[in-house]
Amino acid sequence: MSSLKKLAQQTALYGISNVVGRLLNFLLVPLYVRLFAPEDYGIVTELYSYVALLNVIYTYGTETSFFRFSHESPEVSKSVYPTLFASLFVSSCLFSGVLWLASDVLSNWMNYPDKGHYIRWFSLILAFDALASIPFSQLRQLQKPLLFAGLKLLNIGMVIGLNLFLLVYAPKNGISMSASFQGVDAVFFSNLIANGITLLLLLPWFPKMWNLLNWELWKKMMQYSWPLLFVGLAFVVNEAMDRMLLKYWIHAENPERELGIYGAVYKLAMFMTLYTQSFRMGAEPFFHQRFRKEGNTEIFGHIGYAFLLVGLGFFLVVVGFREEIGRAFLGKTHPEYLEGLTVVPLLFLANLCLGMYYNFSVWYRLADQNRKGMWMSIGGAGITILGNALLIPIFGYVGAGMTTLLCYGSMMLGSYWWGQRIFPIHYPIQKMIMAAAVVLCIWGFMELNPQIWVRISGIGIALVYLGWNLKKSLQSS
């Protein structure tokens, strides 16, 4: 019970920065959909989907390697931080240099002529993110969640403040600015400035003992982390390929418009994404610390069950009131964004399956079986590519949502099946299936009878049921 409380506290503290920061960032969505037509917002959606892919390449699994090797002998653990930071510094300079030199060619290839400065800005954003990743991991390792949360929230605050200044205050007050700081450009420029300042604030946490650089340790860590690079790449393919390629595969008169609508409603899945990411940030160091302790498989099983119960509650609340949430955030100036609300349940279920995959896949990270995790992720990427290619031309962005659910659902089931044969964990699987079935039945009834009183009653009954099971699980642990 004390272990679960510790994990819950860590998840809550890291979740403050993650949840509050994302919620604040989410408040920019109504601003964007009010100022930008769907085809303009499609530019933001597409470019940030490529950034997600490049972020994985820039960090190449080093964060997980940091947690894995920080628990080695004292002599080895001292060299982990400076060695990984030096590696990221060199690789970020190389990657960003290539992007900078090829910026005009890439912008033309993406059908954004005369927008090479987008690529140059993002080359710096990606380098700043990569260099900040290990100092932020160090803060997590040292269990300094308040400092971690403060810096993350400050970054989000700067992004929001710059967006409001460039998109609202300056035009309203007649402040003249270069075209590079207006419209969509302002979104990217705000990100660049905020990330640069955040990196400067992390300077006191940069490693100082450069004499501890360890070439042999670096080779060992790269051998551990290179499969994680492919895991990360496959994950981003699963997560973002629909937005990268939707405008090329969809049969529509204005593909950019469809991409903008899908990108906007995808933000509503943020609530489940926040939950799964907050859990992962707290759980990753926790799992590594508990790995060799007695009773770890029982604890991991209770954690998975508790995660599912809470996630099902999130799913039912947001999906049950998605029309109201959508009208509040998306339907003011450009009501065509509301057309995409039909895909929200698929995206929520997909992200819940992804969260369960995080739970079920703990075995390959702890047992140094990263190659098996790589193959599962590559299999999921194959489902994503094939599913999007087949379903987007038929169903549009709804097909993209269907593919996302199929991918993460398959990865969840595959990871559970494979993990139980290599590193068995005692999940209460029958109770988990029952809880999911009850919630899905209530959701189906609410879809058939969408009156407000039916939705409130159904959600209330489900939350009582889930809360009762969660209480029993915590007591039994």
Foldseek 3Di string as FASTA:
>chain_A
DVLVVQLVVQLVLLLCLLVVLLVLVLLCLLVQLQVDALLLLLVVQQVVLVLLLVLLVLQLQLLLLLLQQCPPDPLRNVQSLQQSLVVSLVSLVVVLVVQLVCQQVVCVVVVNHPVSVLSNLSSLLSSLVNNVSSLLSVCLVVVPSVVSSVLSNQLSVQLVVQCCCQEPVCVVVVNDDDPCCYDPNVNSVSSSVSSVVSSVVSVVSRDDPNVSHDPVVSVVSSVLRNLVSLLSNLVSLLVRVCSNCLLVQAPDPRSSSLSSLLSSLLSLLVVLVSLLVSSCSSVSSSCLVCVPPPPSLAVLQLVLLLSLLVLLLSLLVCLLCVLVVCCVRNCDNPNVSSVPNVLNSLSSLLSSLLSLLSSLQSQCSNVSVSNVSSVLSVVLSVLLVVQCNPQCHPPNVSSNSNSSNVSSNVSNVVSNVVCCVPPNHDHPVVVSVVLVVLSVVLSVVCVVPVDPVSSVVSSVVSNVVSVVVSVVSVVVD
